[in-house]
Amino acid sequence: MTSSASPTKPPVFELGTALEIPPAAGLEQNQLPFSIANFKKAVTDRLQALDGGDDTQLWIVFSDFDCSKLKYIDRLRYPTRLQLDGSKLIVKMVGPVHELMHGNLIQLIHRDMWRMGLEPIRDYVVLGSTRYQHRSNNSFKEPDSALAPTTSSDWPSLVIEAGWAETLARLHIDAQWWLSAQVPPNNTTALVILVSFTKSQRTFRLEKYELVTVAHSVVTRSAPLGVRHLAQCTAVTTIDIRSTPPIITGAPFVLPFAGIMRRTPIPPERNVSISAVELEAWAMTIARLRNL
């Protein structure tokens, strides 16, 4: 079942030379002084809690982080995503539902790109959770899923970030980070998909954020040419699985071809479109596998 109702859209971020909201904002209560022992204990405890069904605390922040310890942390191979904010290391815990949400969604994108004649490796590459440095030079981040055209694959064109709905505000900060990470218009991330699940409402939510450039009549020091770069939500889709069939709003979920491939489409190329039928199958498969 589909509906044309449109949920309230999330906020717009204006992107300057610095991040509008620091990546560690709102996580002060989860902050610990960094040491290898603290890191191993805190992450192990959170992973055990996650296995036990407690997904209320998915982030840990370590203060006074020593970047020379990154190689050691990487060798531990914990199921986490890492982000640096100055001297603060932000650790995002990764669980099975999280991995299914973004992993299966990018497979739907691959399938529609295949339909229009695009092939992985030849036309685009899957970048996974590669670590990327923000242009501010004091922050790095790892996406959940990412891809880019083979012609300019040093930076992702499309990023997917996943999380539980209780952490939707955190996902908005993720979108801000990616869309401000490089200077437009060359090889930036211009398209971010946020995907979340609200357990109390048994509803999946997809948000599409795009980098939008607009003219501004007021010239400022940060925008001397009167140009503003906005990270703006341009689409919201929800899949409510409490009913049979699910109630879907905002379908199809459409992604601009130019945002993914960094060029205009050549027919039969077109925008990527994920249909209501595909969204229902995506959501119900995750729900069945993880008993949501």
C-alpha atoms as a PDB file:
ATOM      1  CA  MET A   1       0.000   0.000   0.000  1.00  0.00           C
ATOM      2  CA  THR A   2       1.373   3.426  -0.903  1.00  0.00           C
ATOM      3  CA  SER A   3       0.502   6.950   0.158  1.00  0.00           C
ATOM      4  CA  SER A   4       1.370  10.357  -1.212  1.00  0.00           C
ATOM      5  CA  ALA A   5       1.609  11.907   2.275  1.00  0.00           C
ATOM      6  CA  SER A   6       4.857  13.786   2.835  1.00  0.00           C
ATOM      7  CA  PRO A   7       6.543  13.682   6.277  1.00  0.00           C
ATOM      8  CA  THR A   8       8.040  16.818   7.771  1.00  0.00           C
ATOM      9  CA  LYS A   9      11.420  17.450   6.211  1.00  0.00           C
ATOM     10  CA  PRO A  10      14.571  17.685   8.366  1.00  0.00           C
ATOM     11  CA  PRO A  11      16.613  20.894   8.625  1.00  0.00           C
ATOM     12  CA  VAL A  12      18.783  22.487   5.948  1.00  0.00           C
ATOM     13  CA  PHE A  13      22.491  22.975   6.726  1.00  0.00           C
ATOM     14  CA  GLU A  14      24.417  25.888   5.260  1.00  0.00           C
ATOM     15  CA  LEU A  15      27.962  24.826   4.526  1.00  0.00           C
ATOM     16  CA  GLY A  16      30.839  27.209   5.075  1.00  0.00           C
ATOM     17  CA  THR A  17      34.525  26.579   5.683  1.00  0.00           C
ATOM     18  CA  ALA A  18      33.772  24.903   9.024  1.00  0.00           C
ATOM     19  CA  LEU A  19      31.201  22.346  10.120  1.00  0.00           C
ATOM     20  CA  GLU A  20      27.988  23.974  11.292  1.00  0.00           C
ATOM     21  CA  ILE A  21      27.525  21.285  13.954  1.00  0.00           C
ATOM     22  CA  PRO A  22      30.632  19.532  15.401  1.00  0.00           C
ATOM     23  CA  PRO A  23      30.613  15.764  14.753  1.00  0.00           C
ATOM     24  CA  ALA A  24      30.774  14.982  18.487  1.00  0.00           C
ATOM     25  CA  ALA A  25      27.856  17.273  19.391  1.00  0.00           C
ATOM     26  CA  GLY A  26      25.380  15.702  21.794  1.00  0.00           C
ATOM     27  CA  LEU A  27      27.662  12.836  22.790  1.00  0.00           C
ATOM     28  CA  GLU A  28      29.311  14.477  25.787  1.00  0.00           C
ATOM     29  CA  GLN A  29      27.677  12.039  28.231  1.00  0.00           C
ATOM     30  CA  ASN A  30      29.346   9.099  26.449  1.00  0.00           C
ATOM     31  CA  GLN A  31      32.887  10.542  26.598  1.00  0.00           C
ATOM     32  CA  LEU A  32      35.890   8.700  28.042  1.00  0.00           C
ATOM     33  CA  PRO A  33      39.609   9.558  28.194  1.00  0.00           C
ATOM     34  CA  PHE A  34      41.406   7.586  25.498  1.00  0.00           C
ATOM     35  CA  SER A  35      43.655   4.678  26.284  1.00  0.00           C
ATOM     36  CA  ILE A  36      43.944   1.296  24.603  1.00  0.00           C
ATOM     37  CA  ALA A  37      42.524  -0.379  27.708  1.00  0.00           C
ATOM     38  CA  ASN A  38      39.552   2.031  27.853  1.00  0.00           C
ATOM     39  CA  PHE A  39      38.904   1.570  24.154  1.00  0.00           C
ATOM     40  CA  LYS A  40      38.883  -2.236  24.275  1.00  0.00           C
ATOM     41  CA  LYS A  41      36.717  -2.422  27.390  1.00  0.00           C
ATOM     42  CA  ALA A  42      34.178   0.199  26.277  1.00  0.00           C
ATOM     43  CA  VAL A  43      33.747  -1.269  22.789  1.00  0.00           C
ATOM     44  CA  THR A  44      33.541  -4.851  24.082  1.00  0.00           C
ATOM     45  CA  ASP A  45      30.914  -3.844  26.668  1.00  0.00           C
ATOM     46  CA  ARG A  46      28.813  -2.027  24.049  1.00  0.00           C
ATOM     47  CA  LEU A  47      29.022  -4.934  21.616  1.00  0.00           C
ATOM     48  CA  GLN A  48      27.841  -7.333  24.318  1.00  0.00           C
ATOM     49  CA  ALA A  49      24.962  -4.987  25.156  1.00  0.00           C
ATOM     50  CA  LEU A  50      24.070  -4.770  21.464  1.00  0.00           C
ATOM     51  CA  ASP A  51      24.024  -8.569  21.202  1.00  0.00           C
ATOM     52  CA  GLY A  52      21.705  -8.598  24.205  1.00  0.00           C
ATOM     53  CA  GLY A  53      19.233  -6.289  22.474  1.00  0.00           C
ATOM     54  CA  ASP A  54      20.283  -2.988  24.078  1.00  0.00           C
ATOM     55  CA  ASP A  55      20.752  -0.581  21.177  1.00  0.00           C
ATOM     56  CA  THR A  56      20.176   2.639  23.147  1.00  0.00           C
ATOM     57  CA  GLN A  57      23.850   3.637  23.269  1.00  0.00           C
ATOM     58  CA  LEU A  58      25.473   3.222  19.887  1.00  0.00           C
ATOM     59  CA  TRP A  59      28.248   5.825  20.178  1.00  0.00           C
ATOM     60  CA  ILE A  60      31.330   6.267  22.352  1.00  0.00           C
ATOM     61  CA  VAL A  61      33.557   9.355  22.316  1.00  0.00           C
ATOM     62  CA  PHE A  62      37.186   9.215  23.453  1.00  0.00           C
ATOM     63  CA  SER A  63      38.914  12.486  24.358  1.00  0.00           C
ATOM     64  CA  ASP A  64      42.638  13.260  23.929  1.00  0.00           C
ATOM     65  CA  PHE A  65      42.954  10.689  21.158  1.00  0.00           C
ATOM     66  CA  ASP A  66      46.457   9.890  19.923  1.00  0.00           C
ATOM     67  CA  CYS A  67      46.337   9.330  16.135  1.00  0.00           C
ATOM     68  CA  SER A  68      49.419   7.103  16.334  1.00  0.00           C
ATOM     69  CA  LYS A  69      47.128   4.462  17.866  1.00  0.00           C
ATOM     70  CA  LEU A  70      44.930   4.180  14.770  1.00  0.00           C
ATOM     71  CA  LYS A  71      46.894   1.305  13.260  1.00  0.00           C
ATOM     72  CA  TYR A  72      46.560  -0.696  16.462  1.00  0.00           C
ATOM     73  CA  ILE A  73      42.810  -0.014  16.653  1.00  0.00           C
ATOM     74  CA  ASP A  74      42.365  -1.018  13.010  1.00  0.00           C
ATOM     75  CA  ARG A  75      44.062  -4.357  13.696  1.00  0.00           C
ATOM     76  CA  LEU A  76      41.446  -5.145  16.358  1.00  0.00           C
ATOM     77  CA  ARG A  77      38.828  -5.316  13.575  1.00  0.00           C
ATOM     78  CA  TYR A  78      35.887  -4.463  15.804  1.00  0.00           C
ATOM     79  CA  PRO A  79      32.516  -3.998  13.992  1.00  0.00           C
ATOM     80  CA  THR A  80      32.594  -0.216  14.298  1.00  0.00           C
ATOM     81  CA  ARG A  81      32.827   2.950  12.219  1.00  0.00           C
ATOM     82  CA  LEU A  82      35.401   5.530  13.296  1.00  0.00           C
ATOM     83  CA  GLN A  83      35.282   9.310  13.020  1.00  0.00           C
ATOM     84  CA  LEU A  84      37.765  11.911  14.214  1.00  0.00           C
ATOM     85  CA  ASP A  85      36.744  15.366  15.461  1.00  0.00           C
ATOM     86  CA  GLY A  86      39.904  17.242  16.439  1.00  0.00           C
ATOM     87  CA  SER A  87      41.295  15.207  19.343  1.00  0.00           C
ATOM     88  CA  LYS A  88      38.044  13.287  19.860  1.00  0.00           C
ATOM     89  CA  LEU A  89      37.557   9.810  18.430  1.00  0.00           C
ATOM     90  CA  ILE A  90      33.904   8.956  17.784  1.00  0.00           C
ATOM     91  CA  VAL A  91      33.109   5.233  17.691  1.00  0.00           C
ATOM     92  CA  LYS A  92      29.836   4.093  16.118  1.00  0.00           C
ATOM     93  CA  MET A  93      28.722   0.566  16.985  1.00  0.00           C
ATOM     94  CA  VAL A  94      27.591  -1.565  14.046  1.00  0.00           C
ATOM     95  CA  GLY A  95      24.989  -4.326  14.373  1.00  0.00           C
ATOM     96  CA  PRO A  96      23.301  -6.809  12.000  1.00  0.00           C
ATOM     97  CA  VAL A  97      20.234  -4.662  11.237  1.00  0.00           C
ATOM     98  CA  HIS A  98      22.473  -1.675  10.539  1.00  0.00           C
ATOM     99  CA  GLU A  99      24.516  -3.681   8.033  1.00  0.00           C
ATOM    100  CA  LEU A 100      21.442  -5.108   6.332  1.00  0.00           C
ATOM    101  CA  MET A 101      19.868  -1.668   5.915  1.00  0.00           C
ATOM    102  CA  HIS A 102      22.682  -0.005   4.014  1.00  0.00           C
ATOM    103  CA  GLY A 103      24.109  -3.146   2.386  1.00  0.00           C
ATOM    104  CA  ASN A 104      20.833  -4.257   0.812  1.00  0.00           C
ATOM    105  CA  LEU A 105      19.910  -0.698  -0.167  1.00  0.00           C
ATOM    106  CA  ILE A 106      23.081  -0.198  -2.182  1.00  0.00           C
ATOM    107  CA  GLN A 107      22.357  -3.527  -3.899  1.00  0.00           C
ATOM    108  CA  LEU A 108      19.045  -2.086  -5.111  1.00  0.00           C
ATOM    109  CA  ILE A 109      20.962   0.899  -6.490  1.00  0.00           C
ATOM    110  CA  HIS A 110      23.397  -1.449  -8.251  1.00  0.00           C
ATOM    111  CA  ARG A 111      20.502  -3.363  -9.802  1.00  0.00           C
ATOM    112  CA  ASP A 112      18.878  -0.271 -11.284  1.00  0.00           C
ATOM    113  CA  MET A 113      22.225   1.004 -12.587  1.00  0.00           C
ATOM    114  CA  TRP A 114      22.690  -2.394 -14.261  1.00  0.00           C
ATOM    115  CA  ARG A 115      19.285  -2.038 -15.934  1.00  0.00           C
ATOM    116  CA  MET A 116      20.451   1.136 -17.663  1.00  0.00           C
ATOM    117  CA  GLY A 117      23.702  -0.461 -18.855  1.00  0.00           C
ATOM    118  CA  LEU A 118      26.135   0.630 -16.139  1.00  0.00           C
ATOM    119  CA  GLU A 119      28.515  -1.976 -14.767  1.00  0.00           C
ATOM    120  CA  PRO A 120      30.599  -2.023 -11.582  1.00  0.00           C
ATOM    121  CA  ILE A 121      34.359  -1.754 -12.115  1.00  0.00           C
ATOM    122  CA  ARG A 122      33.889  -0.550 -15.697  1.00  0.00           C
ATOM    123  CA  ASP A 123      31.657   2.450 -14.916  1.00  0.00           C
ATOM    124  CA  TYR A 124      31.736   2.838 -11.134  1.00  0.00           C
ATOM    125  CA  VAL A 125      33.441   1.407  -8.077  1.00  0.00           C
ATOM    126  CA  VAL A 126      32.128   0.396  -4.659  1.00  0.00           C
ATOM    127  CA  LEU A 127      34.198   2.136  -1.977  1.00  0.00           C
ATOM    128  CA  GLY A 128      32.774   0.460   1.125  1.00  0.00           C
ATOM    129  CA  SER A 129      33.861   2.005   4.434  1.00  0.00           C
ATOM    130  CA  THR A 130      37.086   3.642   3.268  1.00  0.00           C
ATOM    131  CA  ARG A 131      38.340   6.394   5.602  1.00  0.00           C
ATOM    132  CA  TYR A 132      38.168   9.955   4.228  1.00  0.00           C
ATOM    133  CA  GLN A 133      39.687  13.214   5.458  1.00  0.00           C
ATOM    134  CA  HIS A 134      37.613  16.410   5.737  1.00  0.00           C
ATOM    135  CA  ARG A 135      39.020  19.509   4.035  1.00  0.00           C
ATOM    136  CA  SER A 136      39.321  21.103   7.502  1.00  0.00           C
ATOM    137  CA  ASN A 137      42.152  18.560   8.052  1.00  0.00           C
ATOM    138  CA  ASN A 138      41.135  17.860  11.645  1.00  0.00           C
ATOM    139  CA  SER A 139      38.410  15.312  10.929  1.00  0.00           C
ATOM    140  CA  PHE A 140      38.058  11.975   9.158  1.00  0.00           C
ATOM    141  CA  LYS A 141      35.072   9.679   8.709  1.00  0.00           C
ATOM    142  CA  GLU A 142      34.132   6.220   7.446  1.00  0.00           C
ATOM    143  CA  PRO A 143      30.834   5.794   5.517  1.00  0.00           C
ATOM    144  CA  ASP A 144      28.613   2.759   5.826  1.00  0.00           C
ATOM    145  CA  SER A 145      28.405   2.340   2.032  1.00  0.00           C
ATOM    146  CA  ALA A 146      29.778   4.503  -0.765  1.00  0.00           C
ATOM    147  CA  LEU A 147      30.445   4.491  -4.489  1.00  0.00           C
ATOM    148  CA  ALA A 148      31.915   6.747  -7.161  1.00  0.00           C
ATOM    149  CA  PRO A 149      32.385   6.751 -10.947  1.00  0.00           C
ATOM    150  CA  THR A 150      35.642   5.187 -12.114  1.00  0.00           C
ATOM    151  CA  THR A 151      36.596   8.477 -13.775  1.00  0.00           C
ATOM    152  CA  SER A 152      36.843  10.228 -10.383  1.00  0.00           C
ATOM    153  CA  SER A 153      36.923   7.625  -7.652  1.00  0.00           C
ATOM    154  CA  ASP A 154      39.230   9.281  -5.116  1.00  0.00           C
ATOM    155  CA  TRP A 155      36.194  10.623  -3.252  1.00  0.00           C
ATOM    156  CA  PRO A 156      32.688   9.096  -2.970  1.00  0.00           C
ATOM    157  CA  SER A 157      29.899  10.646  -5.018  1.00  0.00           C
ATOM    158  CA  LEU A 158      27.166   8.742  -3.148  1.00  0.00           C
ATOM    159  CA  VAL A 159      27.249   7.880   0.568  1.00  0.00           C
ATOM    160  CA  ILE A 160      24.772   5.832   2.625  1.00  0.00           C
ATOM    161  CA  GLU A 161      24.640   6.209   6.414  1.00  0.00           C
ATOM    162  CA  ALA A 162      22.428   3.919   8.521  1.00  0.00           C
ATOM    163  CA  GLY A 163      21.207   3.969  12.117  1.00  0.00           C
ATOM    164  CA  TRP A 164      18.250   3.579  14.445  1.00  0.00           C
ATOM    165  CA  ALA A 165      15.639   6.339  14.463  1.00  0.00           C
ATOM    166  CA  GLU A 166      16.638   7.332  17.987  1.00  0.00           C
ATOM    167  CA  THR A 167      19.870   8.458  16.325  1.00  0.00           C
ATOM    168  CA  LEU A 168      18.316  10.336  13.400  1.00  0.00           C
ATOM    169  CA  ALA A 169      19.853  13.597  14.625  1.00  0.00           C
ATOM    170  CA  ARG A 170      23.252  11.899  14.453  1.00  0.00           C
ATOM    171  CA  LEU A 171      22.569  10.890  10.854  1.00  0.00           C
ATOM    172  CA  HIS A 172      21.803  14.522   9.992  1.00  0.00           C
ATOM    173  CA  ILE A 173      25.258  15.456  11.321  1.00  0.00           C
ATOM    174  CA  ASP A 174      26.714  12.693   9.135  1.00  0.00           C
ATOM    175  CA  ALA A 175      25.032  14.203   6.070  1.00  0.00           C
ATOM    176  CA  GLN A 176      26.417  17.621   6.955  1.00  0.00           C
ATOM    177  CA  TRP A 177      29.938  16.160   7.244  1.00  0.00           C
ATOM    178  CA  TRP A 178      29.921  14.464   3.852  1.00  0.00           C
ATOM    179  CA  LEU A 179      28.352  17.337   1.944  1.00  0.00           C
ATOM    180  CA  SER A 180      30.848  19.837   3.389  1.00  0.00           C
ATOM    181  CA  ALA A 181      33.942  17.650   3.234  1.00  0.00           C
ATOM    182  CA  GLN A 182      35.311  18.897  -0.107  1.00  0.00           C
ATOM    183  CA  VAL A 183      35.038  22.203  -1.940  1.00  0.00           C
ATOM    184  CA  PRO A 184      32.288  22.192  -4.615  1.00  0.00           C
ATOM    185  CA  PRO A 185      31.929  21.525  -7.476  1.00  0.00           C
ATOM    186  CA  ASN A 186      34.786  19.116  -8.235  1.00  0.00           C
ATOM    187  CA  ASN A 187      34.654  15.531  -6.943  1.00  0.00           C
ATOM    188  CA  THR A 188      32.539  16.329  -3.906  1.00  0.00           C
ATOM    189  CA  THR A 189      29.946  14.107  -2.292  1.00  0.00           C
ATOM    190  CA  ALA A 190      26.744  15.572  -3.698  1.00  0.00           C
ATOM    191  CA  LEU A 191      24.326  12.872  -2.565  1.00  0.00           C
ATOM    192  CA  VAL A 192      23.803  11.261   0.862  1.00  0.00           C
ATOM    193  CA  ILE A 193      21.136   8.709   1.808  1.00  0.00           C
ATOM    194  CA  LEU A 194      20.197   8.378   5.478  1.00  0.00           C
ATOM    195  CA  VAL A 195      18.321   5.216   6.431  1.00  0.00           C
ATOM    196  CA  SER A 196      16.889   4.519   9.886  1.00  0.00           C
ATOM    197  CA  PHE A 197      14.382   2.338  11.710  1.00  0.00           C
ATOM    198  CA  THR A 198      11.995   3.328  14.525  1.00  0.00           C
ATOM    199  CA  LYS A 199      11.274   0.247  16.619  1.00  0.00           C
ATOM    200  CA  SER A 200       8.306   1.749  18.476  1.00  0.00           C
ATOM    201  CA  GLN A 201       6.577   2.532  15.162  1.00  0.00           C
ATOM    202  CA  ARG A 202       8.114  -0.353  13.182  1.00  0.00           C
ATOM    203  CA  THR A 203       8.889   2.104  10.398  1.00  0.00           C
ATOM    204  CA  PHE A 204      11.870   2.438   8.091  1.00  0.00           C
ATOM    205  CA  ARG A 205      12.778   5.953   6.934  1.00  0.00           C
ATOM    206  CA  LEU A 206      14.959   7.028   4.021  1.00  0.00           C
ATOM    207  CA  GLU A 207      16.097  10.618   3.575  1.00  0.00           C
ATOM    208  CA  LYS A 208      17.879  11.961   0.509  1.00  0.00           C
ATOM    209  CA  TYR A 209      20.264  14.862   1.110  1.00  0.00           C
ATOM    210  CA  GLU A 210      21.767  16.780  -1.797  1.00  0.00           C
ATOM    211  CA  LEU A 211      24.313  19.541  -2.150  1.00  0.00           C
ATOM    212  CA  VAL A 212      22.432  22.521  -3.550  1.00  0.00           C
ATOM    213  CA  THR A 213      24.146  25.703  -4.756  1.00  0.00           C
ATOM    214  CA  VAL A 214      22.092  28.889  -4.620  1.00  0.00           C
ATOM    215  CA  ALA A 215      22.791  32.534  -5.344  1.00  0.00           C
ATOM    216  CA  HIS A 216      22.646  34.994  -2.466  1.00  0.00           C
ATOM    217  CA  SER A 217      22.131  38.719  -2.763  1.00  0.00           C
ATOM    218  CA  VAL A 218      24.339  39.414   0.258  1.00  0.00           C
ATOM    219  CA  VAL A 219      28.091  39.064  -0.288  1.00  0.00           C
ATOM    220  CA  THR A 220      29.986  38.011   2.836  1.00  0.00           C
ATOM    221  CA  ARG A 221      33.583  37.171   3.729  1.00  0.00           C
ATOM    222  CA  SER A 222      32.750  33.429   3.690  1.00  0.00           C
ATOM    223  CA  ALA A 223      30.809  33.760   0.404  1.00  0.00           C
ATOM    224  CA  PRO A 224      32.477  36.630  -1.504  1.00  0.00           C
ATOM    225  CA  LEU A 225      30.710  35.749  -4.752  1.00  0.00           C
ATOM    226  CA  GLY A 226      27.316  35.657  -3.112  1.00  0.00           C
ATOM    227  CA  VAL A 227      27.087  31.848  -3.516  1.00  0.00           C
ATOM    228  CA  ARG A 228      25.702  29.586  -0.785  1.00  0.00           C
ATOM    229  CA  HIS A 229      26.122  25.831  -0.571  1.00  0.00           C
ATOM    230  CA  LEU A 230      23.273  24.075   1.208  1.00  0.00           C
ATOM    231  CA  ALA A 231      22.927  20.480   2.400  1.00  0.00           C
ATOM    232  CA  GLN A 232      19.228  20.069   1.815  1.00  0.00           C
ATOM    233  CA  CYS A 233      16.831  17.160   2.265  1.00  0.00           C
ATOM    234  CA  THR A 234      15.073  16.700  -1.074  1.00  0.00           C
ATOM    235  CA  ALA A 235      13.071  13.515  -0.439  1.00  0.00           C
ATOM    236  CA  VAL A 236      11.736  11.400   2.432  1.00  0.00           C
ATOM    237  CA  THR A 237      10.342   7.876   2.090  1.00  0.00           C
ATOM    238  CA  THR A 238       8.845   5.778   4.896  1.00  0.00           C
ATOM    239  CA  ILE A 239       7.859   2.099   5.043  1.00  0.00           C
ATOM    240  CA  ASP A 240       5.489   1.294   7.918  1.00  0.00           C
ATOM    241  CA  ILE A 241       5.573  -2.474   8.408  1.00  0.00           C
ATOM    242  CA  ARG A 242       2.865  -2.612  11.108  1.00  0.00           C
ATOM    243  CA  SER A 243       0.248  -3.352   8.453  1.00  0.00           C
ATOM    244  CA  THR A 244       0.013  -5.944   5.681  1.00  0.00           C
ATOM    245  CA  PRO A 245       0.935  -4.839   3.109  1.00  0.00           C
ATOM    246  CA  PRO A 246       3.203  -2.095   4.524  1.00  0.00           C
ATOM    247  CA  ILE A 247       2.165   1.551   4.138  1.00  0.00           C
ATOM    248  CA  ILE A 248       4.741   3.302   1.983  1.00  0.00           C
ATOM    249  CA  THR A 249       4.977   7.085   1.573  1.00  0.00           C
ATOM    250  CA  GLY A 250       7.241   8.934  -0.830  1.00  0.00           C
ATOM    251  CA  ALA A 251       7.777   6.111  -3.360  1.00  0.00           C
ATOM    252  CA  PRO A 252       9.548   5.739  -5.661  1.00  0.00           C
ATOM    253  CA  PHE A 253      12.809   6.804  -4.007  1.00  0.00           C
ATOM    254  CA  VAL A 254      14.667   8.602  -6.823  1.00  0.00           C
ATOM    255  CA  LEU A 255      18.396   9.410  -6.935  1.00  0.00           C
ATOM    256  CA  PRO A 256      19.750  11.865  -9.520  1.00  0.00           C
ATOM    257  CA  PHE A 257      22.056  10.245 -12.050  1.00  0.00           C
ATOM    258  CA  ALA A 258      24.373  13.282 -12.068  1.00  0.00           C
ATOM    259  CA  GLY A 259      24.809  13.047  -8.302  1.00  0.00           C
ATOM    260  CA  ILE A 260      26.032   9.448  -8.598  1.00  0.00           C
ATOM    261  CA  MET A 261      28.044   9.537 -11.840  1.00  0.00           C
ATOM    262  CA  ARG A 262      29.136  13.226 -11.854  1.00  0.00           C
ATOM    263  CA  ARG A 263      27.887  13.719 -15.416  1.00  0.00           C
ATOM    264  CA  THR A 264      24.622  14.072 -17.290  1.00  0.00           C
ATOM    265  CA  PRO A 265      22.926  10.827 -18.357  1.00  0.00           C
ATOM    266  CA  ILE A 266      23.157   9.546 -21.928  1.00  0.00           C
ATOM    267  CA  PRO A 267      20.025   7.571 -22.911  1.00  0.00           C
ATOM    268  CA  PRO A 268      19.099   4.923 -21.932  1.00  0.00           C
ATOM    269  CA  GLU A 269      20.737   6.230 -18.754  1.00  0.00           C
ATOM    270  CA  ARG A 270      18.398   7.996 -16.323  1.00  0.00           C
ATOM    271  CA  ASN A 271      17.890   8.718 -12.645  1.00  0.00           C
ATOM    272  CA  VAL A 272      18.053   5.709 -10.322  1.00  0.00           C
ATOM    273  CA  SER A 273      14.574   4.804  -9.103  1.00  0.00           C
ATOM    274  CA  ILE A 274      13.729   2.365  -6.298  1.00  0.00           C
ATOM    275  CA  SER A 275      10.069   1.379  -6.601  1.00  0.00           C
ATOM    276  CA  ALA A 276       7.512   0.809  -3.866  1.00  0.00           C
ATOM    277  CA  VAL A 277       7.632  -2.927  -4.615  1.00  0.00           C
ATOM    278  CA  GLU A 278      11.420  -2.978  -4.165  1.00  0.00           C
ATOM    279  CA  LEU A 279      11.217  -0.870  -0.996  1.00  0.00           C
ATOM    280  CA  GLU A 280       8.628  -3.234   0.470  1.00  0.00           C
ATOM    281  CA  ALA A 281      10.781  -6.275  -0.298  1.00  0.00           C
ATOM    282  CA  TRP A 282      13.854  -4.536   1.160  1.00  0.00           C
ATOM    283  CA  ALA A 283      12.077  -3.629   4.412  1.00  0.00           C
ATOM    284  CA  MET A 284      10.221  -6.912   4.897  1.00  0.00           C
ATOM    285  CA  THR A 285      13.346  -8.992   4.285  1.00  0.00           C
ATOM    286  CA  ILE A 286      15.220  -7.118   7.012  1.00  0.00           C
ATOM    287  CA  ALA A 287      12.222  -7.360   9.340  1.00  0.00           C
ATOM    288  CA  ARG A 288      11.901 -11.103   8.790  1.00  0.00           C
ATOM    289  CA  LEU A 289      15.619 -11.863   9.147  1.00  0.00           C
ATOM    290  CA  ARG A 290      16.020  -9.790  12.339  1.00  0.00           C
ATOM    291  CA  ASN A 291      12.548 -10.278  13.828  1.00  0.00           C
ATOM    292  CA  LEU A 292      11.763  -6.547  13.895  1.00  0.00           C
END
